[in-house]
């Protein structure tokens, strides 16, 4: 992240990058996996952001979708004390999405600092 991007969120906030994409490793396809291909992955990123906004003071720095790789990502800023809690929430969200049948997706969160 460059200095210009660092100025797009308030002092005391921690930038976090999230991404959701299809796994690229070969595996057996299941009926549940077919469901995954019918949904725009960007909707899942947006869904997580909406859920997180209900709980945290959240600032969206960027939000994009790369259709050729079927990947969606966002960079958000969250108050520094909440940085670990949002990681926990993202892991819970990923687990819930797997329970809903999205087995072929890869959920990733990392610091954008």
Protein backbone atom coordinates (compact mmCIF):
# COMPACT_ATOMS: atom_id res chain seq x y z
CA UNK A 1 0.00 0.00 0.00
CA UNK A 2 1.40 3.41 -0.87
CA UNK A 3 1.14 6.63 1.11
CA UNK A 4 -1.82 7.88 -0.93
CA UNK A 5 -3.88 4.79 -0.05
CA UNK A 6 -2.94 5.10 3.62
CA UNK A 7 -4.58 8.52 3.69
CA UNK A 8 -7.96 7.12 2.58
CA UNK A 9 -8.85 5.79 6.01
CA UNK A 10 -8.91 7.51 9.41
CA UNK A 11 -6.08 7.44 11.90
CA UNK A 12 -6.41 4.53 14.31
CA UNK A 13 -7.82 2.22 11.66
CA UNK A 14 -6.20 -0.96 10.38
CA UNK A 15 -6.36 -1.86 6.66
CA UNK A 16 -7.34 -5.43 5.80
CA UNK A 17 -7.47 -7.08 2.37
CA UNK A 18 -10.07 -9.81 1.79
CA UNK A 19 -10.48 -11.98 -1.28
CA UNK A 20 -12.70 -14.82 -2.39
CA UNK A 21 -11.90 -16.88 -5.45
CA UNK A 22 -12.41 -20.28 -6.92
CA UNK A 23 -9.86 -22.90 -5.94
CA UNK A 24 -7.65 -23.75 -8.88
CA UNK A 25 -6.56 -27.18 -7.72
CA UNK A 26 -8.23 -30.14 -9.45
CA UNK A 27 -10.73 -32.10 -7.43
CA UNK A 28 -13.89 -34.07 -7.93
CA UNK A 29 -16.89 -31.93 -8.71
CA UNK A 30 -20.02 -32.35 -6.63
CA UNK A 31 -23.58 -31.14 -7.04
CA UNK A 32 -22.89 -28.53 -4.35
CA UNK A 33 -19.98 -27.13 -6.38
CA UNK A 34 -22.29 -26.49 -9.31
CA UNK A 35 -24.20 -24.04 -7.13
CA UNK A 36 -21.04 -22.03 -6.57
CA UNK A 37 -20.50 -21.38 -10.27
CA UNK A 38 -23.94 -19.79 -10.58
CA UNK A 39 -23.24 -17.01 -8.07
CA UNK A 40 -21.19 -13.91 -8.64
CA UNK A 41 -18.35 -14.17 -6.14
CA UNK A 42 -18.42 -10.38 -5.71
CA UNK A 43 -21.81 -10.80 -4.05
CA UNK A 44 -20.16 -12.88 -1.31
CA UNK A 45 -17.54 -10.17 -0.66
CA UNK A 46 -20.31 -7.57 -0.56
CA UNK A 47 -22.34 -9.79 1.77
CA UNK A 48 -19.44 -10.06 4.22
CA UNK A 49 -18.86 -6.31 4.11
CA UNK A 50 -22.54 -5.62 4.85
CA UNK A 51 -22.47 -8.02 7.79
CA UNK A 52 -19.25 -6.46 9.10
CA UNK A 53 -20.66 -2.93 8.75
CA UNK A 54 -23.47 -3.89 11.12
CA UNK A 55 -20.92 -4.76 13.79
CA UNK A 56 -17.91 -2.50 13.14
CA UNK A 57 -17.07 1.05 12.11
CA UNK A 58 -15.87 -0.03 8.68
CA UNK A 59 -14.44 2.01 5.80
CA UNK A 60 -14.21 0.55 2.29
CA UNK A 61 -10.96 1.50 0.61
CA UNK A 62 -11.46 -0.52 -2.59
CA UNK A 63 -13.79 -3.21 -3.88
CA UNK A 64 -13.24 -5.02 -7.17
CA UNK A 65 -14.07 -8.11 -9.19
CA UNK A 66 -11.73 -9.86 -11.62
CA UNK A 67 -14.04 -11.85 -13.89
CA UNK A 68 -11.40 -13.78 -15.83
CA UNK A 69 -10.17 -15.40 -12.62
CA UNK A 70 -13.59 -15.34 -10.94
CA UNK A 71 -12.13 -13.51 -7.97
CA UNK A 72 -13.51 -10.67 -5.88
CA UNK A 73 -11.57 -8.66 -3.37
CA UNK A 74 -11.85 -5.64 -1.15
CA UNK A 75 -9.62 -3.58 1.06
CA UNK A 76 -11.33 -2.28 4.15
CA UNK A 77 -10.23 -0.32 7.20
CA UNK A 78 -11.40 -1.23 10.66
CA UNK A 79 -10.65 0.28 14.09
CA UNK A 80 -7.34 -1.11 15.33
CA UNK A 81 -8.84 -2.83 18.41
CA UNK A 82 -11.26 -4.78 16.19
CA UNK A 83 -8.62 -6.19 13.82
CA UNK A 84 -8.61 -9.69 15.34
CA UNK A 85 -12.37 -9.82 15.79
CA UNK A 86 -13.00 -9.20 12.11
CA UNK A 87 -10.59 -12.02 11.25
CA UNK A 88 -12.63 -14.33 13.45
CA UNK A 89 -15.84 -13.13 11.80
CA UNK A 90 -14.36 -13.71 8.33
CA UNK A 91 -13.39 -17.27 9.29
CA UNK A 92 -16.91 -17.89 10.59
CA UNK A 93 -18.35 -16.41 7.37
CA UNK A 94 -16.14 -18.71 5.26
CA UNK A 95 -17.27 -21.70 7.31
CA UNK A 96 -20.93 -20.73 6.91
CA UNK A 97 -20.48 -20.37 3.15
CA UNK A 98 -18.94 -23.85 3.03
CA UNK A 99 -21.95 -25.14 4.97
CA UNK A 100 -24.17 -23.52 2.33
CA UNK A 101 -22.41 -25.53 -0.36
CA UNK A 102 -19.62 -23.28 -1.61
CA UNK A 103 -16.89 -25.89 -1.29
CA UNK A 104 -14.84 -24.76 -4.28
CA UNK A 105 -14.11 -21.27 -2.93
CA UNK A 106 -10.96 -19.99 -1.29
CA UNK A 107 -11.41 -17.29 1.38
CA UNK A 108 -8.38 -15.20 2.27
CA UNK A 109 -7.79 -12.26 4.61
CA UNK A 110 -4.51 -10.48 5.27
CA UNK A 111 -3.19 -7.20 6.52
CA UNK A 112 -3.02 -4.51 3.84
CA UNK A 113 -0.57 -2.40 5.84
